[in-house]
């Protein structure tokens, strides 16, 4: 009788270890999936991040100088946040500021003098 009592205990321990491993793997996948999710920005958010007006954003999309939106449904569109941030980072003023250590070049400020 002792063997029969011990056998189920070992099986439960084994099942418990497997269940723990499954839960840990699932939690890791959820964390990874959450990090990998791409945030979608609506036009208001795009305008806020870029400083551009709504019409200018759509004009630049038509010109091919701004990332195109993705259609969510009907006339509802959004932009991938990573693409908008990349566009911002490649703007000449941002690149120039990065090259000068974050200082604005007075000579390029539209004729303004110090």
C-alpha atoms as a PDB file:
ATOM      1  CA  UNK A   1       0.000   0.000   0.000  1.00  0.00           C
ATOM      2  CA  UNK A   2       2.862   2.324   0.644  1.00  0.00           C
ATOM      3  CA  UNK A   3       3.919   2.204  -3.006  1.00  0.00           C
ATOM      4  CA  UNK A   4       0.469   3.223  -4.219  1.00  0.00           C
ATOM      5  CA  UNK A   5       0.421   6.247  -1.914  1.00  0.00           C
ATOM      6  CA  UNK A   6       3.897   7.321  -3.026  1.00  0.00           C
ATOM      7  CA  UNK A   7       3.226   6.902  -6.747  1.00  0.00           C
ATOM      8  CA  UNK A   8       0.438   9.486  -6.913  1.00  0.00           C
ATOM      9  CA  UNK A   9       2.511  11.924  -4.837  1.00  0.00           C
ATOM     10  CA  UNK A  10       5.339  11.661  -7.336  1.00  0.00           C
ATOM     11  CA  UNK A  11       2.878  12.137 -10.184  1.00  0.00           C
ATOM     12  CA  UNK A  12       1.398  15.219  -8.521  1.00  0.00           C
ATOM     13  CA  UNK A  13       4.865  16.644  -7.941  1.00  0.00           C
ATOM     14  CA  UNK A  14       5.713  15.949 -11.562  1.00  0.00           C
ATOM     15  CA  UNK A  15       2.475  17.566 -12.736  1.00  0.00           C
ATOM     16  CA  UNK A  16       3.087  20.509 -10.439  1.00  0.00           C
ATOM     17  CA  UNK A  17       6.547  21.057 -11.911  1.00  0.00           C
ATOM     18  CA  UNK A  18       5.171  20.869 -15.436  1.00  0.00           C
ATOM     19  CA  UNK A  19       2.355  23.275 -14.554  1.00  0.00           C
ATOM     20  CA  UNK A  20       4.838  25.697 -12.991  1.00  0.00           C
ATOM     21  CA  UNK A  21       6.982  25.534 -16.102  1.00  0.00           C
ATOM     22  CA  UNK A  22       3.962  26.131 -18.365  1.00  0.00           C
ATOM     23  CA  UNK A  23       2.872  29.150 -16.304  1.00  0.00           C
ATOM     24  CA  UNK A  24       6.410  30.587 -16.334  1.00  0.00           C
ATOM     25  CA  UNK A  25       6.688  30.103 -20.100  1.00  0.00           C
ATOM     26  CA  UNK A  26       3.275  31.715 -20.656  1.00  0.00           C
ATOM     27  CA  UNK A  27       4.214  34.711 -18.480  1.00  0.00           C
ATOM     28  CA  UNK A  28       7.470  35.119 -20.397  1.00  0.00           C
ATOM     29  CA  UNK A  29       5.566  35.018 -23.704  1.00  0.00           C
ATOM     30  CA  UNK A  30       3.101  37.632 -22.461  1.00  0.00           C
ATOM     31  CA  UNK A  31       5.973  39.911 -21.425  1.00  0.00           C
ATOM     32  CA  UNK A  32       7.708  39.410 -24.771  1.00  0.00           C
ATOM     33  CA  UNK A  33       4.478  39.951 -26.710  1.00  0.00           C
ATOM     34  CA  UNK A  34       3.788  43.141 -24.762  1.00  0.00           C
ATOM     35  CA  UNK A  35       7.253  44.526 -25.581  1.00  0.00           C
ATOM     36  CA  UNK A  36       6.931  43.592 -29.230  1.00  0.00           C
ATOM     37  CA  UNK A  37       3.529  45.191 -29.700  1.00  0.00           C
ATOM     38  CA  UNK A  38       3.615  48.197 -31.990  1.00  0.00           C
ATOM     39  CA  UNK A  39       1.596  51.166 -30.812  1.00  0.00           C
ATOM     40  CA  UNK A  40      -0.658  52.788 -33.367  1.00  0.00           C
ATOM     41  CA  UNK A  41      -1.031  56.560 -33.337  1.00  0.00           C
ATOM     42  CA  UNK A  42      -4.119  58.405 -34.502  1.00  0.00           C
ATOM     43  CA  UNK A  43      -3.787  61.699 -36.401  1.00  0.00           C
ATOM     44  CA  UNK A  44      -4.069  63.795 -33.224  1.00  0.00           C
ATOM     45  CA  UNK A  45      -1.108  61.931 -31.684  1.00  0.00           C
ATOM     46  CA  UNK A  46       0.916  62.220 -34.901  1.00  0.00           C
ATOM     47  CA  UNK A  47       0.301  65.974 -35.025  1.00  0.00           C
ATOM     48  CA  UNK A  48       1.263  66.305 -31.372  1.00  0.00           C
ATOM     49  CA  UNK A  49       4.523  64.365 -31.781  1.00  0.00           C
ATOM     50  CA  UNK A  50       5.615  65.991 -35.028  1.00  0.00           C
ATOM     51  CA  UNK A  51       4.327  69.511 -34.527  1.00  0.00           C
ATOM     52  CA  UNK A  52       2.722  69.299 -37.965  1.00  0.00           C
ATOM     53  CA  UNK A  53      -0.861  70.149 -38.740  1.00  0.00           C
ATOM     54  CA  UNK A  54      -3.339  67.561 -39.920  1.00  0.00           C
ATOM     55  CA  UNK A  55      -3.339  68.830 -43.527  1.00  0.00           C
ATOM     56  CA  UNK A  56       0.452  68.904 -43.619  1.00  0.00           C
ATOM     57  CA  UNK A  57       0.686  65.304 -42.428  1.00  0.00           C
ATOM     58  CA  UNK A  58      -1.658  64.124 -45.191  1.00  0.00           C
ATOM     59  CA  UNK A  59       0.141  66.297 -47.777  1.00  0.00           C
ATOM     60  CA  UNK A  60       3.496  64.775 -46.817  1.00  0.00           C
ATOM     61  CA  UNK A  61       1.976  61.285 -47.015  1.00  0.00           C
ATOM     62  CA  UNK A  62       0.778  62.042 -50.574  1.00  0.00           C
ATOM     63  CA  UNK A  63       4.245  63.420 -51.462  1.00  0.00           C
ATOM     64  CA  UNK A  64       5.844  60.286 -50.055  1.00  0.00           C
ATOM     65  CA  UNK A  65       7.889  62.221 -47.501  1.00  0.00           C
ATOM     66  CA  UNK A  66       6.021  60.897 -44.457  1.00  0.00           C
ATOM     67  CA  UNK A  67       5.188  57.314 -43.442  1.00  0.00           C
ATOM     68  CA  UNK A  68       1.843  56.152 -44.799  1.00  0.00           C
ATOM     69  CA  UNK A  69      -0.930  55.270 -42.369  1.00  0.00           C
ATOM     70  CA  UNK A  70      -2.471  51.848 -42.015  1.00  0.00           C
ATOM     71  CA  UNK A  71      -6.200  51.500 -42.459  1.00  0.00           C
ATOM     72  CA  UNK A  72      -7.937  50.196 -39.351  1.00  0.00           C
ATOM     73  CA  UNK A  73     -11.484  50.175 -40.731  1.00  0.00           C
ATOM     74  CA  UNK A  74     -13.539  52.375 -43.015  1.00  0.00           C
ATOM     75  CA  UNK A  75     -11.906  55.787 -43.011  1.00  0.00           C
ATOM     76  CA  UNK A  76     -10.130  55.187 -39.695  1.00  0.00           C
ATOM     77  CA  UNK A  77      -6.342  55.226 -40.098  1.00  0.00           C
ATOM     78  CA  UNK A  78      -3.342  55.235 -37.784  1.00  0.00           C
ATOM     79  CA  UNK A  79       0.435  55.377 -37.997  1.00  0.00           C
ATOM     80  CA  UNK A  80       3.017  53.037 -36.507  1.00  0.00           C
ATOM     81  CA  UNK A  81       4.698  54.893 -33.655  1.00  0.00           C
ATOM     82  CA  UNK A  82       8.141  53.553 -34.578  1.00  0.00           C
ATOM     83  CA  UNK A  83       7.841  54.931 -38.118  1.00  0.00           C
ATOM     84  CA  UNK A  84       6.772  58.362 -36.872  1.00  0.00           C
ATOM     85  CA  UNK A  85       9.629  58.449 -34.349  1.00  0.00           C
ATOM     86  CA  UNK A  86      12.098  57.408 -37.055  1.00  0.00           C
ATOM     87  CA  UNK A  87      10.782  60.185 -39.301  1.00  0.00           C
ATOM     88  CA  UNK A  88      11.252  62.698 -36.478  1.00  0.00           C
ATOM     89  CA  UNK A  89      14.780  61.466 -35.783  1.00  0.00           C
ATOM     90  CA  UNK A  90      15.795  61.879 -39.431  1.00  0.00           C
ATOM     91  CA  UNK A  91      14.665  65.499 -39.732  1.00  0.00           C
ATOM     92  CA  UNK A  92      17.628  67.758 -40.660  1.00  0.00           C
ATOM     93  CA  UNK A  93      17.150  69.974 -37.587  1.00  0.00           C
ATOM     94  CA  UNK A  94      17.165  66.961 -35.255  1.00  0.00           C
ATOM     95  CA  UNK A  95      20.230  65.503 -36.972  1.00  0.00           C
ATOM     96  CA  UNK A  96      22.002  68.875 -36.842  1.00  0.00           C
ATOM     97  CA  UNK A  97      21.174  69.303 -33.147  1.00  0.00           C
ATOM     98  CA  UNK A  98      22.494  65.822 -32.415  1.00  0.00           C
ATOM     99  CA  UNK A  99      25.703  66.651 -34.274  1.00  0.00           C
ATOM    100  CA  UNK A 100      26.203  69.868 -32.271  1.00  0.00           C
ATOM    101  CA  UNK A 101      25.474  68.238 -28.944  1.00  0.00           C
ATOM    102  CA  UNK A 102      21.929  69.563 -28.722  1.00  0.00           C
ATOM    103  CA  UNK A 103      22.766  73.229 -29.383  1.00  0.00           C
ATOM    104  CA  UNK A 104      20.863  75.112 -32.038  1.00  0.00           C
ATOM    105  CA  UNK A 105      22.889  76.658 -34.813  1.00  0.00           C
ATOM    106  CA  UNK A 106      21.938  80.353 -34.752  1.00  0.00           C
ATOM    107  CA  UNK A 107      22.933  80.761 -38.409  1.00  0.00           C
ATOM    108  CA  UNK A 108      20.221  78.337 -39.506  1.00  0.00           C
ATOM    109  CA  UNK A 109      17.363  79.813 -37.458  1.00  0.00           C
ATOM    110  CA  UNK A 110      15.704  81.665 -40.358  1.00  0.00           C
ATOM    111  CA  UNK A 111      17.809  84.810 -40.305  1.00  0.00           C
ATOM    112  CA  UNK A 112      17.596  85.387 -36.586  1.00  0.00           C
ATOM    113  CA  UNK A 113      20.706  86.850 -35.031  1.00  0.00           C
ATOM    114  CA  UNK A 114      21.925  86.536 -31.484  1.00  0.00           C
END
